C-alpha atoms as a PDB file:
ATOM      1  CA  MET A   1      35.194 104.352  73.951  1.00  0.00           C
ATOM      2  CA  GLY A   2      35.714 105.705  70.423  1.00  0.00           C
ATOM      3  CA  PHE A   3      33.912 108.585  68.746  1.00  0.00           C
ATOM      4  CA  LEU A   4      31.508 106.472  66.699  1.00  0.00           C
ATOM      5  CA  ASP A   5      30.778 104.289  69.721  1.00  0.00           C
ATOM      6  CA  ARG A   6      29.955 107.375  71.771  1.00  0.00           C
ATOM      7  CA  LEU A   7      27.849 108.837  68.968  1.00  0.00           C
ATOM      8  CA  PHE A   8      25.909 105.735  67.921  1.00  0.00           C
ATOM      9  CA  GLY A   9      26.968 102.795  70.070  1.00  0.00           C
ATOM     10  CA  GLY A  10      24.056 101.274  71.936  1.00  0.00           C
ATOM     11  CA  LYS A  11      21.743 104.037  70.730  1.00  0.00           C
ATOM     12  CA  LYS A  12      19.087 104.140  68.085  1.00  0.00           C
ATOM     13  CA  GLN A  13      19.843 105.929  64.824  1.00  0.00           C
ATOM     14  CA  GLY A  14      19.505 109.689  65.087  1.00  0.00           C
ATOM     15  CA  SER A  15      20.314 109.936  68.804  1.00  0.00           C
ATOM     16  CA  GLN A  16      22.283 113.005  69.734  1.00  0.00           C
ATOM     17  CA  PRO A  17      26.008 113.074  70.579  1.00  0.00           C
ATOM     18  CA  ASP A  18      27.213 113.372  74.156  1.00  0.00           C
ATOM     19  CA  GLU A  19      29.226 116.304  75.491  1.00  0.00           C
ATOM     20  CA  GLN A  20      32.589 114.573  75.014  1.00  0.00           C
ATOM     21  CA  THR A  21      31.757 114.021  71.352  1.00  0.00           C
ATOM     22  CA  ARG A  22      30.836 117.687  70.999  1.00  0.00           C
ATOM     23  CA  ARG A  23      34.144 118.710  72.558  1.00  0.00           C
ATOM     24  CA  ASP A  24      36.070 116.361  70.263  1.00  0.00           C
ATOM     25  CA  LEU A  25      34.410 117.898  67.217  1.00  0.00           C
ATOM     26  CA  ALA A  26      34.786 121.473  68.452  1.00  0.00           C
ATOM     27  CA  GLU A  27      38.493 120.894  69.083  1.00  0.00           C
ATOM     28  CA  SER A  28      38.901 119.087  65.731  1.00  0.00           C
ATOM     29  CA  ARG A  29      40.217 115.897  67.288  1.00  0.00           C
ATOM     30  CA  ILE A  30      38.324 113.712  64.825  1.00  0.00           C
ATOM     31  CA  GLU A  31      39.651 113.257  61.285  1.00  0.00           C
ATOM     32  CA  SER A  32      36.353 111.995  59.886  1.00  0.00           C
ATOM     33  CA  PHE A  33      33.068 110.516  61.038  1.00  0.00           C
ATOM     34  CA  THR A  34      29.872 109.060  59.598  1.00  0.00           C
ATOM     35  CA  ASN A  35      26.593 110.314  61.014  1.00  0.00           C
ATOM     36  CA  SER A  36      23.348 108.418  61.522  1.00  0.00           C
ATOM     37  CA  ILE A  37      22.022 108.985  57.972  1.00  0.00           C
ATOM     38  CA  GLY A  38      25.237 107.701  56.390  1.00  0.00           C
ATOM     39  CA  THR A  39      26.968 110.992  55.538  1.00  0.00           C
ATOM     40  CA  THR A  40      30.723 110.894  56.053  1.00  0.00           C
ATOM     41  CA  LEU A  41      32.326 114.225  56.940  1.00  0.00           C
ATOM     42  CA  LYS A  42      36.044 114.992  56.804  1.00  0.00           C
ATOM     43  CA  ARG A  43      37.994 117.501  58.890  1.00  0.00           C
ATOM     44  CA  ILE A  44      39.478 120.265  56.727  1.00  0.00           C
ATOM     45  CA  PRO A  45      42.479 121.988  58.338  1.00  0.00           C
ATOM     46  CA  ALA A  46      42.769 125.717  58.913  1.00  0.00           C
ATOM     47  CA  GLY A  47      44.973 127.595  56.466  1.00  0.00           C
ATOM     48  CA  SER A  48      45.207 130.266  53.791  1.00  0.00           C
ATOM     49  CA  PHE A  49      44.626 130.180  50.047  1.00  0.00           C
ATOM     50  CA  VAL A  50      44.046 132.443  47.073  1.00  0.00           C
ATOM     51  CA  ARG A  51      40.373 132.432  46.133  1.00  0.00           C
ATOM     52  CA  GLY A  52      39.184 133.236  42.632  1.00  0.00           C
ATOM     53  CA  SER A  53      41.091 133.532  39.369  1.00  0.00           C
ATOM     54  CA  SER A  54      41.844 135.912  36.519  1.00  0.00           C
ATOM     55  CA  ASN A  55      39.804 133.876  34.021  1.00  0.00           C
ATOM     56  CA  GLY A  56      36.542 135.780  34.159  1.00  0.00           C
ATOM     57  CA  PRO A  57      34.926 138.840  35.756  1.00  0.00           C
ATOM     58  CA  ARG A  58      32.918 136.781  38.242  1.00  0.00           C
ATOM     59  CA  GLU A  59      36.109 135.226  39.626  1.00  0.00           C
ATOM     60  CA  LYS A  60      38.140 138.428  39.994  1.00  0.00           C
ATOM     61  CA  PRO A  61      40.134 139.662  41.728  1.00  0.00           C
ATOM     62  CA  PRO A  62      42.111 136.726  43.093  1.00  0.00           C
ATOM     63  CA  HIS A  63      42.554 137.431  46.804  1.00  0.00           C
ATOM     64  CA  LYS A  64      43.948 135.769  49.904  1.00  0.00           C
ATOM     65  CA  VAL A  65      41.535 134.184  52.371  1.00  0.00           C
ATOM     66  CA  ALA A  66      42.537 132.836  55.784  1.00  0.00           C
ATOM     67  CA  ILE A  67      40.424 129.963  57.110  1.00  0.00           C
ATOM     68  CA  ALA A  68      41.050 130.448  60.817  1.00  0.00           C
ATOM     69  CA  ARG A  69      39.405 127.282  62.142  1.00  0.00           C
ATOM     70  CA  PRO A  70      39.202 123.706  60.889  1.00  0.00           C
ATOM     71  CA  PHE A  71      35.753 122.605  59.746  1.00  0.00           C
ATOM     72  CA  TYR A  72      33.999 119.421  58.668  1.00  0.00           C
ATOM     73  CA  ILE A  73      32.544 118.938  55.197  1.00  0.00           C
ATOM     74  CA  GLY A  74      30.822 116.061  53.437  1.00  0.00           C
ATOM     75  CA  VAL A  75      33.165 113.700  51.614  1.00  0.00           C
ATOM     76  CA  CYS A  76      30.517 113.436  48.882  1.00  0.00           C
ATOM     77  CA  PRO A  77      27.431 115.378  47.846  1.00  0.00           C
ATOM     78  CA  VAL A  78      24.288 114.427  49.763  1.00  0.00           C
ATOM     79  CA  THR A  79      22.827 111.284  48.222  1.00  0.00           C
ATOM     80  CA  GLN A  80      19.182 110.507  47.550  1.00  0.00           C
ATOM     81  CA  ALA A  81      19.168 107.890  50.313  1.00  0.00           C
ATOM     82  CA  GLU A  82      20.548 110.396  52.826  1.00  0.00           C
ATOM     83  CA  TRP A  83      18.053 113.043  51.755  1.00  0.00           C
ATOM     84  CA  LYS A  84      15.128 110.625  52.088  1.00  0.00           C
ATOM     85  CA  ARG A  85      16.167 109.637  55.617  1.00  0.00           C
ATOM     86  CA  VAL A  86      15.792 113.268  56.673  1.00  0.00           C
ATOM     87  CA  MET A  87      13.089 114.692  54.397  1.00  0.00           C
ATOM     88  CA  GLY A  88      11.017 111.599  53.649  1.00  0.00           C
ATOM     89  CA  ASP A  89      10.881 112.268  49.896  1.00  0.00           C
ATOM     90  CA  ASN A  90      13.140 112.283  46.839  1.00  0.00           C
ATOM     91  CA  PRO A  91      12.836 115.217  44.419  1.00  0.00           C
ATOM     92  CA  SER A  92      15.440 113.897  41.959  1.00  0.00           C
ATOM     93  CA  ASP A  93      14.845 113.320  38.258  1.00  0.00           C
ATOM     94  CA  PHE A  94      17.562 110.644  37.997  1.00  0.00           C
ATOM     95  CA  LYS A  95      16.703 108.069  40.644  1.00  0.00           C
ATOM     96  CA  GLY A  96      19.281 106.022  42.522  1.00  0.00           C
ATOM     97  CA  ALA A  97      19.972 105.682  46.253  1.00  0.00           C
ATOM     98  CA  ASN A  98      23.685 106.502  45.936  1.00  0.00           C
ATOM     99  CA  MET A  99      23.256 109.141  43.247  1.00  0.00           C
ATOM    100  CA  PRO A 100      23.369 112.773  44.380  1.00  0.00           C
ATOM    101  CA  VAL A 101      20.021 114.259  45.302  1.00  0.00           C
ATOM    102  CA  GLU A 102      19.071 116.931  42.754  1.00  0.00           C
ATOM    103  CA  LYS A 103      16.252 119.277  41.851  1.00  0.00           C
ATOM    104  CA  VAL A 104      17.120 120.912  45.164  1.00  0.00           C
ATOM    105  CA  SER A 105      16.652 124.665  45.619  1.00  0.00           C
ATOM    106  CA  TRP A 106      18.701 126.747  48.065  1.00  0.00           C
ATOM    107  CA  LYS A 107      15.651 126.954  50.326  1.00  0.00           C
ATOM    108  CA  MET A 108      15.218 123.184  50.211  1.00  0.00           C
ATOM    109  CA  ALA A 109      18.911 122.753  51.043  1.00  0.00           C
ATOM    110  CA  GLN A 110      18.520 125.061  54.035  1.00  0.00           C
ATOM    111  CA  ASP A 111      15.511 123.082  55.224  1.00  0.00           C
ATOM    112  CA  PHE A 112      17.502 119.845  54.936  1.00  0.00           C
ATOM    113  CA  CYS A 113      20.345 121.301  57.026  1.00  0.00           C
ATOM    114  CA  ARG A 114      17.903 122.517  59.669  1.00  0.00           C
ATOM    115  CA  LYS A 115      16.156 119.149  59.966  1.00  0.00           C
ATOM    116  CA  LEU A 116      19.443 117.238  59.958  1.00  0.00           C
ATOM    117  CA  SER A 117      20.710 119.502  62.752  1.00  0.00           C
ATOM    118  CA  GLU A 118      17.604 118.742  64.812  1.00  0.00           C
ATOM    119  CA  LYS A 119      17.957 115.019  64.150  1.00  0.00           C
ATOM    120  CA  GLU A 120      21.680 114.842  64.928  1.00  0.00           C
ATOM    121  CA  GLY A 121      22.067 117.517  67.589  1.00  0.00           C
ATOM    122  CA  LEU A 122      24.932 119.027  65.582  1.00  0.00           C
ATOM    123  CA  PRO A 123      25.012 122.383  63.732  1.00  0.00           C
ATOM    124  CA  TYR A 124      24.857 121.444  60.037  1.00  0.00           C
ATOM    125  CA  ARG A 125      24.744 124.086  57.304  1.00  0.00           C
ATOM    126  CA  LEU A 126      25.833 124.770  53.755  1.00  0.00           C
ATOM    127  CA  PRO A 127      29.520 125.639  53.315  1.00  0.00           C
ATOM    128  CA  THR A 128      30.477 129.237  52.730  1.00  0.00           C
ATOM    129  CA  GLU A 129      31.735 129.929  49.233  1.00  0.00           C
ATOM    130  CA  ALA A 130      35.271 130.392  50.612  1.00  0.00           C
ATOM    131  CA  GLN A 131      35.138 127.113  52.544  1.00  0.00           C
ATOM    132  CA  TRP A 132      33.883 125.308  49.461  1.00  0.00           C
ATOM    133  CA  GLU A 133      36.686 126.557  47.208  1.00  0.00           C
ATOM    134  CA  TYR A 134      39.321 125.970  49.893  1.00  0.00           C
ATOM    135  CA  ALA A 135      38.121 122.377  50.328  1.00  0.00           C
ATOM    136  CA  CYS A 136      37.946 121.851  46.560  1.00  0.00           C
ATOM    137  CA  ARG A 137      41.453 123.173  45.883  1.00  0.00           C
ATOM    138  CA  ALA A 138      43.003 121.080  48.684  1.00  0.00           C
ATOM    139  CA  GLY A 139      46.189 123.143  48.547  1.00  0.00           C
ATOM    140  CA  THR A 140      46.327 123.609  44.765  1.00  0.00           C
ATOM    141  CA  THR A 141      46.411 126.865  42.803  1.00  0.00           C
ATOM    142  CA  THR A 142      45.499 125.427  39.394  1.00  0.00           C
ATOM    143  CA  GLU A 143      42.234 125.484  37.460  1.00  0.00           C
ATOM    144  CA  TYR A 144      41.169 122.120  38.893  1.00  0.00           C
ATOM    145  CA  CYS A 145      42.142 120.285  42.087  1.00  0.00           C
ATOM    146  CA  PHE A 146      44.495 118.094  40.045  1.00  0.00           C
ATOM    147  CA  GLY A 147      46.078 120.719  37.759  1.00  0.00           C
ATOM    148  CA  ASP A 148      45.368 122.516  34.508  1.00  0.00           C
ATOM    149  CA  SER A 149      43.937 119.804  32.346  1.00  0.00           C
ATOM    150  CA  ASP A 150      42.392 118.617  29.143  1.00  0.00           C
ATOM    151  CA  ASP A 151      39.030 116.823  29.081  1.00  0.00           C
ATOM    152  CA  ARG A 152      40.616 113.393  29.435  1.00  0.00           C
ATOM    153  CA  LEU A 153      42.169 114.082  32.828  1.00  0.00           C
ATOM    154  CA  LEU A 154      39.084 115.914  34.063  1.00  0.00           C
ATOM    155  CA  GLY A 155      37.136 112.750  33.274  1.00  0.00           C
ATOM    156  CA  GLU A 156      39.157 110.886  35.887  1.00  0.00           C
ATOM    157  CA  TYR A 157      37.792 113.211  38.590  1.00  0.00           C
ATOM    158  CA  ALA A 158      34.418 114.433  37.347  1.00  0.00           C
ATOM    159  CA  TRP A 159      31.150 113.629  35.615  1.00  0.00           C
ATOM    160  CA  PHE A 160      30.657 116.446  33.113  1.00  0.00           C
ATOM    161  CA  ASP A 161      29.253 117.018  29.631  1.00  0.00           C
ATOM    162  CA  GLY A 162      32.026 114.996  28.021  1.00  0.00           C
ATOM    163  CA  ASN A 163      31.417 111.711  29.872  1.00  0.00           C
ATOM    164  CA  SER A 164      28.157 111.824  31.850  1.00  0.00           C
ATOM    165  CA  GLY A 165      25.869 110.395  29.186  1.00  0.00           C
ATOM    166  CA  GLY A 166      23.287 113.032  30.051  1.00  0.00           C
ATOM    167  CA  HIS A 167      22.618 112.181  33.716  1.00  0.00           C
ATOM    168  CA  THR A 168      24.082 112.080  37.218  1.00  0.00           C
ATOM    169  CA  HIS A 169      26.073 109.135  38.571  1.00  0.00           C
ATOM    170  CA  ASP A 170      26.662 107.450  41.933  1.00  0.00           C
ATOM    171  CA  VAL A 171      28.821 109.620  44.162  1.00  0.00           C
ATOM    172  CA  GLY A 172      32.401 108.660  44.977  1.00  0.00           C
ATOM    173  CA  GLN A 173      33.113 106.802  41.713  1.00  0.00           C
ATOM    174  CA  LYS A 174      35.801 109.166  40.420  1.00  0.00           C
ATOM    175  CA  LYS A 175      39.165 110.086  41.951  1.00  0.00           C
ATOM    176  CA  PRO A 176      39.108 112.231  45.112  1.00  0.00           C
ATOM    177  CA  ASN A 177      41.116 115.396  45.605  1.00  0.00           C
ATOM    178  CA  ALA A 178      44.171 115.498  47.871  1.00  0.00           C
ATOM    179  CA  TRP A 179      41.965 115.877  50.953  1.00  0.00           C
ATOM    180  CA  GLY A 180      39.850 112.849  50.126  1.00  0.00           C
ATOM    181  CA  LEU A 181      36.768 114.691  48.839  1.00  0.00           C
ATOM    182  CA  PHE A 182      34.846 113.262  45.871  1.00  0.00           C
ATOM    183  CA  ASP A 183      32.791 114.945  43.147  1.00  0.00           C
ATOM    184  CA  MET A 184      34.002 118.459  43.926  1.00  0.00           C
ATOM    185  CA  HIS A 185      34.087 118.848  40.145  1.00  0.00           C
ATOM    186  CA  GLY A 186      30.997 117.830  38.202  1.00  0.00           C
ATOM    187  CA  ASN A 187      28.025 115.540  38.914  1.00  0.00           C
ATOM    188  CA  VAL A 188      25.868 118.275  40.542  1.00  0.00           C
ATOM    189  CA  TRP A 189      26.298 121.943  41.351  1.00  0.00           C
ATOM    190  CA  GLU A 190      26.422 122.515  45.110  1.00  0.00           C
ATOM    191  CA  TRP A 191      24.700 125.380  46.916  1.00  0.00           C
ATOM    192  CA  CYS A 192      26.720 127.665  49.196  1.00  0.00           C
ATOM    193  CA  GLU A 193      25.589 129.993  51.971  1.00  0.00           C
ATOM    194  CA  ASP A 194      26.599 133.306  50.354  1.00  0.00           C
ATOM    195  CA  VAL A 195      24.555 135.873  48.481  1.00  0.00           C
ATOM    196  CA  TRP A 196      25.632 136.949  45.003  1.00  0.00           C
ATOM    197  CA  HIS A 197      28.188 139.713  44.428  1.00  0.00           C
ATOM    198  CA  ALA A 198      29.348 140.450  40.884  1.00  0.00           C
ATOM    199  CA  ASN A 199      33.026 140.110  41.865  1.00  0.00           C
ATOM    200  CA  TYR A 200      35.204 139.766  44.954  1.00  0.00           C
ATOM    201  CA  ASP A 201      35.806 143.456  45.646  1.00  0.00           C
ATOM    202  CA  GLY A 202      35.195 143.831  49.365  1.00  0.00           C
ATOM    203  CA  ALA A 203      34.820 140.098  50.028  1.00  0.00           C
ATOM    204  CA  PRO A 204      35.507 138.842  53.593  1.00  0.00           C
ATOM    205  CA  ALA A 205      39.070 137.640  54.053  1.00  0.00           C
ATOM    206  CA  ASP A 206      38.261 135.236  56.904  1.00  0.00           C
ATOM    207  CA  GLY A 207      36.280 132.590  55.026  1.00  0.00           C
ATOM    208  CA  SER A 208      32.902 133.639  56.423  1.00  0.00           C
ATOM    209  CA  ALA A 209      29.746 133.734  54.324  1.00  0.00           C
ATOM    210  CA  TRP A 210      29.381 136.997  52.380  1.00  0.00           C
ATOM    211  CA  VAL A 211      25.801 137.936  53.137  1.00  0.00           C
ATOM    212  CA  GLU A 212      26.124 141.710  53.469  1.00  0.00           C
ATOM    213  CA  GLY A 213      25.278 143.805  50.414  1.00  0.00           C
ATOM    214  CA  GLY A 214      25.109 142.108  47.047  1.00  0.00           C
ATOM    215  CA  ASP A 215      21.885 140.678  45.707  1.00  0.00           C
ATOM    216  CA  GLU A 216      19.988 138.946  48.515  1.00  0.00           C
ATOM    217  CA  GLY A 217      17.631 137.411  45.961  1.00  0.00           C
ATOM    218  CA  VAL A 218      20.421 135.388  44.332  1.00  0.00           C
ATOM    219  CA  ARG A 219      22.609 132.628  45.825  1.00  0.00           C
ATOM    220  CA  LEU A 220      25.808 130.837  44.794  1.00  0.00           C
ATOM    221  CA  LEU A 221      26.506 127.336  43.505  1.00  0.00           C
ATOM    222  CA  ARG A 222      29.891 125.720  42.957  1.00  0.00           C
ATOM    223  CA  GLY A 223      31.539 122.775  41.225  1.00  0.00           C
ATOM    224  CA  GLY A 224      29.842 122.326  37.867  1.00  0.00           C
ATOM    225  CA  SER A 225      27.675 119.371  36.906  1.00  0.00           C
ATOM    226  CA  TRP A 226      26.950 116.506  34.531  1.00  0.00           C
ATOM    227  CA  VAL A 227      25.575 118.947  31.942  1.00  0.00           C
ATOM    228  CA  ASN A 228      28.483 121.424  31.913  1.00  0.00           C
ATOM    229  CA  LEU A 229      31.576 121.952  29.800  1.00  0.00           C
ATOM    230  CA  PRO A 230      34.949 121.660  31.568  1.00  0.00           C
ATOM    231  CA  ARG A 231      35.406 125.381  32.265  1.00  0.00           C
ATOM    232  CA  ALA A 232      32.274 125.468  34.437  1.00  0.00           C
ATOM    233  CA  CYS A 233      33.718 122.674  36.604  1.00  0.00           C
ATOM    234  CA  GLY A 234      36.823 124.613  37.645  1.00  0.00           C
ATOM    235  CA  SER A 235      37.752 125.251  41.276  1.00  0.00           C
ATOM    236  CA  ALA A 236      36.974 128.972  40.960  1.00  0.00           C
ATOM    237  CA  ALA A 237      33.899 128.728  38.687  1.00  0.00           C
ATOM    238  CA  ARG A 238      30.684 130.272  40.048  1.00  0.00           C
ATOM    239  CA  LEU A 239      27.013 129.906  39.168  1.00  0.00           C
ATOM    240  CA  THR A 240      24.081 131.935  40.480  1.00  0.00           C
ATOM    241  CA  ASN A 241      20.353 131.414  40.769  1.00  0.00           C
ATOM    242  CA  VAL A 242      17.382 132.484  42.858  1.00  0.00           C
ATOM    243  CA  PRO A 243      16.863 130.569  46.120  1.00  0.00           C
ATOM    244  CA  ARG A 244      13.665 128.833  44.976  1.00  0.00           C
ATOM    245  CA  ASP A 245      14.961 127.483  41.668  1.00  0.00           C
ATOM    246  CA  GLU A 246      15.506 123.728  41.423  1.00  0.00           C
ATOM    247  CA  TRP A 247      17.132 121.917  38.506  1.00  0.00           C
ATOM    248  CA  SER A 248      18.265 118.371  37.845  1.00  0.00           C
ATOM    249  CA  ASP A 249      21.902 119.450  38.237  1.00  0.00           C
ATOM    250  CA  TYR A 250      21.485 121.314  41.574  1.00  0.00           C
ATOM    251  CA  GLY A 251      22.433 119.488  44.788  1.00  0.00           C
ATOM    252  CA  LEU A 252      24.302 120.148  48.016  1.00  0.00           C
ATOM    253  CA  ARG A 253      27.142 119.124  50.301  1.00  0.00           C
ATOM    254  CA  VAL A 254      26.866 119.685  54.042  1.00  0.00           C
ATOM    255  CA  CYS A 255      29.308 121.149  56.493  1.00  0.00           C
ATOM    256  CA  LEU A 256      29.432 121.658  60.246  1.00  0.00           C
ATOM    257  CA  ARG A 257      29.393 125.259  61.483  1.00  0.00           C
ATOM    258  CA  ASP A 258      31.600 126.430  64.345  1.00  0.00           C
ATOM    259  CA  PHE A 259      30.528 125.150  67.759  1.00  0.00           C
END
């Protein structure tokens, strides 16, 4: 019996995975899977990369991070339909079932992950900032996942100020990165687990969330959005805000924590 059959076959939506499924996920035997609310998650391999850049003080200093274990991350940002299946509402300004959910605060994103974990019996959470950038770069060292680009090429991968028309768009409509992840640039900013530090001096080198020190009243977002200029959509670009703030360009992408 295959993974999806074990997880959902013959069961009602939202039933919890069996022990073999848990072992398969923990040992990273599954390349990708779709859960009961329709979120597809992809396995990201372990490896090392250089996080940050020399472009601005928030992104310095570039430093090596080793992601010791594979992890699973959403192929797309959480959609409004997926959010509604868990939370029962839709906070978004720009309505559409397959559009990314937005007007989501960090606290709301945490609540979604908690409720999804209870529903699925799997440990969902927000990605760490290191995991997010590693997944976005997909082995690249350039400003974007596809290279150093002008606005035209960025428009093939992202919804941003230059092509969005002033609103979000259905997820998965642009080109994916080399690891098959969509909308890592643009559409909506995505919350991460970490607290804000003004630069990377003293940052963990193992890919874990940086929650010690820094400003506990401020959290990180990544990826840029429909309202931003190209620079804000870069792989290393960072945005901060307080955990309760919600804007029409703030969303999330889920990941599975270690088992």
